[in-house]
Amino acid sequence: MTTPLTCLSDDETMFRDAVRDFAASEVRPLVEKMERAAQFDRSLIPKFAELGLMGIDVPEQLGGAGGSFFMTVLAVEELAAVDASTAILVDVQNTLANAPLLDWASDDLKHRYLPKLAGGTVGAYALSEPGSGSDAFSLASRAVKQGGDWVLTGRKLWITNGAEADIFVIFANVDPSQGYKGITAFVVERGFPGFSVGKKEDKLGIRASSTTELILENCKVPGNNVLGEVGKGYKVAIETLNGGRIGIGAQMIGVARGALNATIKYVGEAAVRQADR
């Protein structure tokens, strides 16, 4: 007998099964409609929060579920087996929005933003730009200190959750002469002056997951909204993306499993129809 590489604990098994049941009962009936409309059904978001999916490994004292990163992986896989778009929203929320706050934020930022995120406010991560996709550290967005605030200018592209998010982790360079060592991470709210969400991409697939442009036109950000240290944003970016890639791997496993299950069901039904002829 072969032994599984991973044996789930009782808590992990219960959590996985709860997400699997939720995906089947709450998400599946909406999938076709969301994909055709290229719009995520926001009525799902408070249900995510109620199940603990908006802050899976956020500590309970900060409003989260107090789970683990591995539980995030389990949730993303189960959701992706039914709908990749839904899985992406939850994945980005946990691995790219919550994670850098957990790892790098001051106590003030953690207490201001993590309870909101865990409670149902959608988050997003904004690194890519028109001229810096694969070479993200050549980003052109700038941040200039003015009094006690920072003023951000630039344009971000291909930002997942951009249409739904109200809290963004955004990267800009405070000193281009220092190259990547000038990159700094900021926590930006949708309502900050000078911030706006631009064009939404019309995609061939995973259409219910929003992919948008962000526009920073002298966007005023409070000085204490720096995430980590000034000039150390490249470390925030790299370490956050490393965790995010694990989430994408879980999504791909879920999509493959869902496709296989659908294929097996289709072939079985086709065999029955053929036998009845």
Protein backbone atom coordinates (compact mmCIF):
# COMPACT_ATOMS: atom_id res chain seq x y z
CA MET A 1 0.00 0.00 0.00
CA THR A 2 1.31 3.46 -0.88
CA THR A 3 1.25 6.23 1.71
CA PRO A 4 0.07 9.72 0.71
CA LEU A 5 2.75 12.40 0.69
CA THR A 6 0.46 14.60 2.75
CA CYS A 7 -1.97 13.42 5.40
CA LEU A 8 -4.46 16.10 6.34
CA SER A 9 -5.24 16.83 9.95
CA ASP A 10 -8.82 16.67 11.15
CA ASP A 11 -9.08 20.47 11.01
CA GLU A 12 -7.65 20.58 7.50
CA THR A 13 -10.01 17.85 6.31
CA MET A 14 -13.04 19.64 7.76
CA PHE A 15 -11.95 22.92 6.21
CA ARG A 16 -11.31 21.36 2.79
CA ASP A 17 -14.68 19.63 2.82
CA ALA A 18 -16.45 22.84 3.86
CA VAL A 19 -14.87 24.72 0.95
CA ARG A 20 -15.67 21.86 -1.45
CA ASP A 21 -19.34 21.90 -0.39
CA PHE A 22 -19.45 25.69 -0.65
CA ALA A 23 -17.97 25.63 -4.14
CA ALA A 24 -20.56 23.09 -5.28
CA SER A 25 -23.59 24.76 -3.71
CA GLU A 26 -22.80 28.49 -3.91
CA VAL A 27 -20.27 28.98 -6.69
CA ARG A 28 -21.15 26.44 -9.37
CA PRO A 29 -24.65 27.85 -10.09
CA LEU A 30 -23.09 31.25 -10.87
CA VAL A 31 -20.12 30.21 -13.00
CA GLU A 32 -21.63 30.39 -16.49
CA LYS A 33 -23.37 33.68 -15.81
CA MET A 34 -20.22 35.28 -14.38
CA GLU A 35 -18.03 34.10 -17.26
CA ARG A 36 -20.44 35.29 -19.93
CA ALA A 37 -20.83 38.68 -18.26
CA ALA A 38 -17.09 38.91 -17.47
CA GLN A 39 -18.07 40.10 -14.02
CA PHE A 40 -17.60 38.58 -10.60
CA ASP A 41 -20.77 38.18 -8.54
CA ARG A 42 -20.05 40.31 -5.48
CA SER A 43 -22.71 38.52 -3.46
CA LEU A 44 -20.15 35.75 -3.00
CA ILE A 45 -17.66 37.97 -1.16
CA PRO A 46 -19.49 38.22 2.19
CA LYS A 47 -20.04 34.46 1.97
CA PHE A 48 -16.28 34.02 1.53
CA ALA A 49 -15.74 36.12 4.65
CA GLU A 50 -18.28 34.12 6.64
CA LEU A 51 -16.44 30.91 5.74
CA GLY A 52 -13.11 32.50 6.66
CA LEU A 53 -11.77 32.55 3.10
CA MET A 54 -10.88 36.25 3.06
CA GLY A 55 -8.31 35.91 5.84
CA ILE A 56 -7.42 32.25 6.10
CA ASP A 57 -4.09 32.60 7.89
CA VAL A 58 -4.77 35.99 9.45
CA PRO A 59 -4.66 35.63 13.26
CA GLU A 60 -7.99 35.53 15.05
CA GLN A 61 -7.08 38.63 17.08
CA LEU A 62 -6.92 40.53 13.78
CA GLY A 63 -10.27 39.21 12.62
CA GLY A 64 -9.01 36.27 10.57
CA ALA A 65 -9.65 32.54 10.62
CA GLY A 66 -6.35 31.77 12.33
CA GLY A 67 -5.51 29.01 9.85
CA SER A 68 -2.34 28.22 7.93
CA PHE A 69 -0.86 28.91 4.52
CA PHE A 70 -1.45 25.27 3.64
CA MET A 71 -5.16 25.76 4.31
CA THR A 72 -5.07 28.59 1.75
CA VAL A 73 -3.64 26.09 -0.74
CA LEU A 74 -6.46 23.65 0.04
CA ALA A 75 -9.11 26.33 -0.41
CA VAL A 76 -7.71 27.56 -3.73
CA GLU A 77 -7.58 24.03 -5.12
CA GLU A 78 -11.16 23.25 -4.12
CA LEU A 79 -12.51 26.49 -5.57
CA ALA A 80 -10.51 26.09 -8.78
CA ALA A 81 -11.99 22.63 -9.35
CA VAL A 82 -15.31 24.47 -9.84
CA ASP A 83 -14.32 27.95 -11.03
CA ALA A 84 -10.86 29.38 -11.72
CA SER A 85 -12.06 32.98 -11.42
CA THR A 86 -13.36 32.47 -7.91
CA ALA A 87 -10.15 30.70 -6.94
CA ILE A 88 -8.05 33.60 -8.19
CA LEU A 89 -9.91 36.18 -6.12
CA VAL A 90 -9.39 34.15 -2.94
CA ASP A 91 -5.79 33.30 -3.89
CA VAL A 92 -4.75 36.91 -4.51
CA GLN A 93 -6.58 38.02 -1.37
CA ASN A 94 -4.62 35.66 0.83
CA THR A 95 -1.22 35.30 -0.85
CA LEU A 96 -0.68 38.75 -2.39
CA ALA A 97 -2.74 41.17 -0.27
CA ASN A 98 -2.88 39.70 3.25
CA ALA A 99 0.54 38.01 3.14
CA PRO A 100 2.74 41.11 2.72
CA LEU A 101 0.81 42.86 5.47
CA LEU A 102 1.33 39.89 7.79
CA ASP A 103 5.04 39.71 6.95
CA TRP A 104 6.06 43.34 6.55
CA ALA A 105 3.47 45.75 7.97
CA SER A 106 3.83 47.82 11.11
CA ASP A 107 1.45 46.99 13.96
CA ASP A 108 -0.53 50.09 13.01
CA LEU A 109 -1.01 48.93 9.40
CA LYS A 110 -1.87 45.39 10.50
CA HIS A 111 -4.57 46.59 12.88
CA ARG A 112 -5.95 49.09 10.37
CA TYR A 113 -6.17 46.84 7.33
CA LEU A 114 -6.10 43.13 8.15
CA PRO A 115 -9.47 43.10 10.01
CA LYS A 116 -11.04 44.84 7.00
CA LEU A 117 -9.51 42.38 4.54
CA ALA A 118 -10.48 39.34 6.61
CA GLY A 119 -13.96 40.80 7.01
CA GLY A 120 -14.67 40.99 3.30
CA THR A 121 -12.83 43.99 1.84
CA VAL A 122 -11.07 42.80 -1.32
CA GLY A 123 -7.34 43.41 -1.70
CA ALA A 124 -5.01 43.53 -4.72
CA TYR A 125 -1.30 43.60 -5.52
CA ALA A 126 0.08 46.07 -8.06
CA LEU A 127 3.61 45.60 -9.38
CA SER A 128 3.38 45.23 -13.20
CA GLU A 129 3.45 48.23 -15.53
CA PRO A 130 3.30 48.82 -19.30
CA GLY A 131 7.09 48.66 -19.55
CA SER A 132 7.87 46.32 -16.67
CA GLY A 133 6.10 43.00 -16.77
CA SER A 134 8.73 40.26 -16.74
CA ASP A 135 11.34 42.85 -15.69
CA ALA A 136 9.28 44.24 -12.83
CA PHE A 137 12.19 46.01 -11.16
CA SER A 138 12.42 48.49 -14.03
CA LEU A 139 9.07 49.95 -12.95
CA ALA A 140 8.48 53.60 -13.78
CA SER A 141 6.01 54.58 -11.05
CA ARG A 142 7.45 57.20 -8.74
CA ALA A 143 6.91 58.18 -5.12
CA VAL A 144 7.99 61.60 -3.84
CA LYS A 145 7.92 62.69 -0.19
CA GLN A 146 5.90 65.86 0.37
CA GLY A 147 5.70 66.91 3.99
CA GLY A 148 4.51 63.90 5.95
CA ASP A 149 2.92 62.21 2.93
CA TRP A 150 4.02 60.39 -0.20
CA VAL A 151 2.79 61.37 -3.65
CA LEU A 152 2.62 58.52 -6.17
CA THR A 153 2.50 58.91 -9.95
CA GLY A 154 2.37 56.19 -12.57
CA ARG A 155 0.27 53.49 -14.15
CA LYS A 156 -0.14 49.82 -13.27
CA LEU A 157 -1.43 47.15 -15.65
CA TRP A 158 -2.89 43.64 -15.42
CA ILE A 159 -3.94 44.00 -11.78
CA THR A 160 -6.01 41.03 -10.60
CA ASN A 161 -9.02 41.95 -8.41
CA GLY A 162 -8.66 45.56 -9.55
CA ALA A 163 -12.39 46.05 -10.13
CA GLU A 164 -13.42 44.66 -6.74
CA ALA A 165 -10.55 45.74 -4.49
CA ASP A 166 -10.57 48.65 -2.07
CA ILE A 167 -7.10 48.07 -0.59
CA PHE A 168 -3.99 47.81 -2.80
CA VAL A 169 -0.34 46.96 -2.20
CA ILE A 170 1.39 49.22 -4.74
CA PHE A 171 5.07 49.49 -5.63
CA ALA A 172 6.81 52.71 -6.69
CA ASN A 173 10.40 53.95 -6.81
CA VAL A 174 11.40 56.70 -4.37
CA ASP A 175 14.89 57.15 -5.90
CA PRO A 176 15.40 55.96 -9.50
CA SER A 177 19.14 56.64 -9.22
CA GLN A 178 19.31 53.69 -6.80
CA GLY A 179 17.67 51.33 -9.28
CA TYR A 180 15.73 48.49 -7.66
CA LYS A 181 16.97 49.66 -4.24
CA GLY A 182 14.63 52.63 -4.52
CA ILE A 183 11.51 50.47 -4.87
CA THR A 184 9.12 50.89 -1.96
CA ALA A 185 5.79 49.24 -1.14
CA PHE A 186 2.75 51.27 -0.11
CA VAL A 187 -0.73 50.41 1.13
CA VAL A 188 -3.18 52.47 -0.92
CA GLU A 189 -6.92 52.77 -0.47
CA ARG A 190 -9.28 53.18 -3.41
CA GLY A 191 -10.55 56.43 -1.93
CA PHE A 192 -7.16 58.17 -1.71
CA PRO A 193 -7.02 61.39 -3.78
CA GLY A 194 -5.43 60.85 -7.18
CA PHE A 195 -6.13 57.10 -7.32
CA SER A 196 -8.44 55.56 -9.90
CA VAL A 197 -9.13 52.23 -11.57
CA GLY A 198 -8.83 52.38 -15.34
CA LYS A 199 -9.52 49.99 -18.19
CA LYS A 200 -10.71 46.46 -17.48
CA GLU A 201 -9.24 43.84 -19.81
CA ASP A 202 -11.61 41.76 -21.97
CA LYS A 203 -10.05 38.31 -21.70
CA LEU A 204 -10.53 35.04 -23.54
CA GLY A 205 -10.76 32.99 -20.35
CA ILE A 206 -11.10 33.31 -16.56
CA ARG A 207 -13.28 36.25 -17.51
CA ALA A 208 -15.05 36.75 -14.19
CA SER A 209 -11.71 37.55 -12.58
CA SER A 210 -11.11 41.26 -13.14
CA THR A 211 -7.79 42.38 -14.64
CA THR A 212 -7.50 46.16 -14.66
CA GLU A 213 -5.35 49.22 -15.05
CA LEU A 214 -4.60 51.42 -12.03
CA ILE A 215 -3.88 55.12 -12.47
CA LEU A 216 -1.87 57.17 -9.97
CA GLU A 217 -2.18 60.89 -10.64
CA ASN A 218 -0.39 62.59 -7.75
CA CYS A 219 -1.99 60.04 -5.47
CA LYS A 220 -1.56 61.19 -1.88
CA VAL A 221 -0.60 58.40 0.52
CA PRO A 222 -0.04 58.92 4.27
CA GLY A 223 3.58 58.61 5.34
CA ASN A 224 2.84 55.73 7.71
CA ASN A 225 1.35 53.66 4.86
CA VAL A 226 4.79 52.48 3.77
CA LEU A 227 4.84 48.68 3.86
CA GLY A 228 8.18 47.53 5.25
CA GLU A 229 11.14 49.88 4.88
CA VAL A 230 11.65 52.63 2.33
CA GLY A 231 13.83 51.23 -0.45
CA LYS A 232 13.19 47.61 0.52
CA GLY A 233 10.10 47.10 -1.60
CA TYR A 234 11.95 44.69 -3.89
CA LYS A 235 12.21 42.27 -0.96
CA VAL A 236 8.50 42.64 -0.25
CA ALA A 237 7.75 42.00 -3.93
CA ILE A 238 9.97 38.91 -4.31
CA GLU A 239 8.94 37.17 -1.11
CA THR A 240 5.25 37.86 -1.70
CA LEU A 241 5.37 36.54 -5.26
CA ASN A 242 7.12 33.37 -4.09
CA GLY A 243 4.09 32.56 -1.93
CA GLY A 244 1.69 33.64 -4.65
CA ARG A 245 3.18 31.16 -7.10
CA ILE A 246 2.35 28.32 -4.73
CA GLY A 247 -1.25 29.49 -4.79
CA ILE A 248 -1.23 29.50 -8.60
CA GLY A 249 0.10 25.93 -8.51
CA ALA A 250 -2.84 24.94 -6.30
CA GLN A 251 -5.19 26.63 -8.73
CA MET A 252 -3.78 24.63 -11.67
CA ILE A 253 -4.18 21.37 -9.77
CA GLY A 254 -7.78 22.28 -9.01
CA VAL A 255 -8.55 23.23 -12.61
CA ALA A 256 -7.01 19.96 -13.85
CA ARG A 257 -8.98 17.92 -11.32
CA GLY A 258 -12.22 19.68 -12.23
CA ALA A 259 -11.58 19.09 -15.94
CA LEU A 260 -10.82 15.41 -15.35
CA ASN A 261 -13.97 14.94 -13.28
CA ALA A 262 -16.07 16.66 -15.94
CA THR A 263 -14.52 14.47 -18.62
CA ILE A 264 -15.16 11.26 -16.71
CA LYS A 265 -18.77 12.28 -16.14
CA TYR A 266 -19.27 13.18 -19.80
CA VAL A 267 -17.72 9.95 -21.06
CA GLY A 268 -19.85 7.90 -18.66
CA GLU A 269 -23.03 9.62 -19.74
CA ALA A 270 -22.08 9.20 -23.40
CA ALA A 271 -21.49 5.48 -22.84
CA VAL A 272 -24.93 5.13 -21.28
CA ARG A 273 -26.56 6.93 -24.18
CA GLN A 274 -24.75 4.72 -26.66
CA ALA A 275 -25.82 1.56 -24.80
CA ASP A 276 -29.46 2.69 -24.86
CA ARG A 277 -29.54 3.03 -28.64
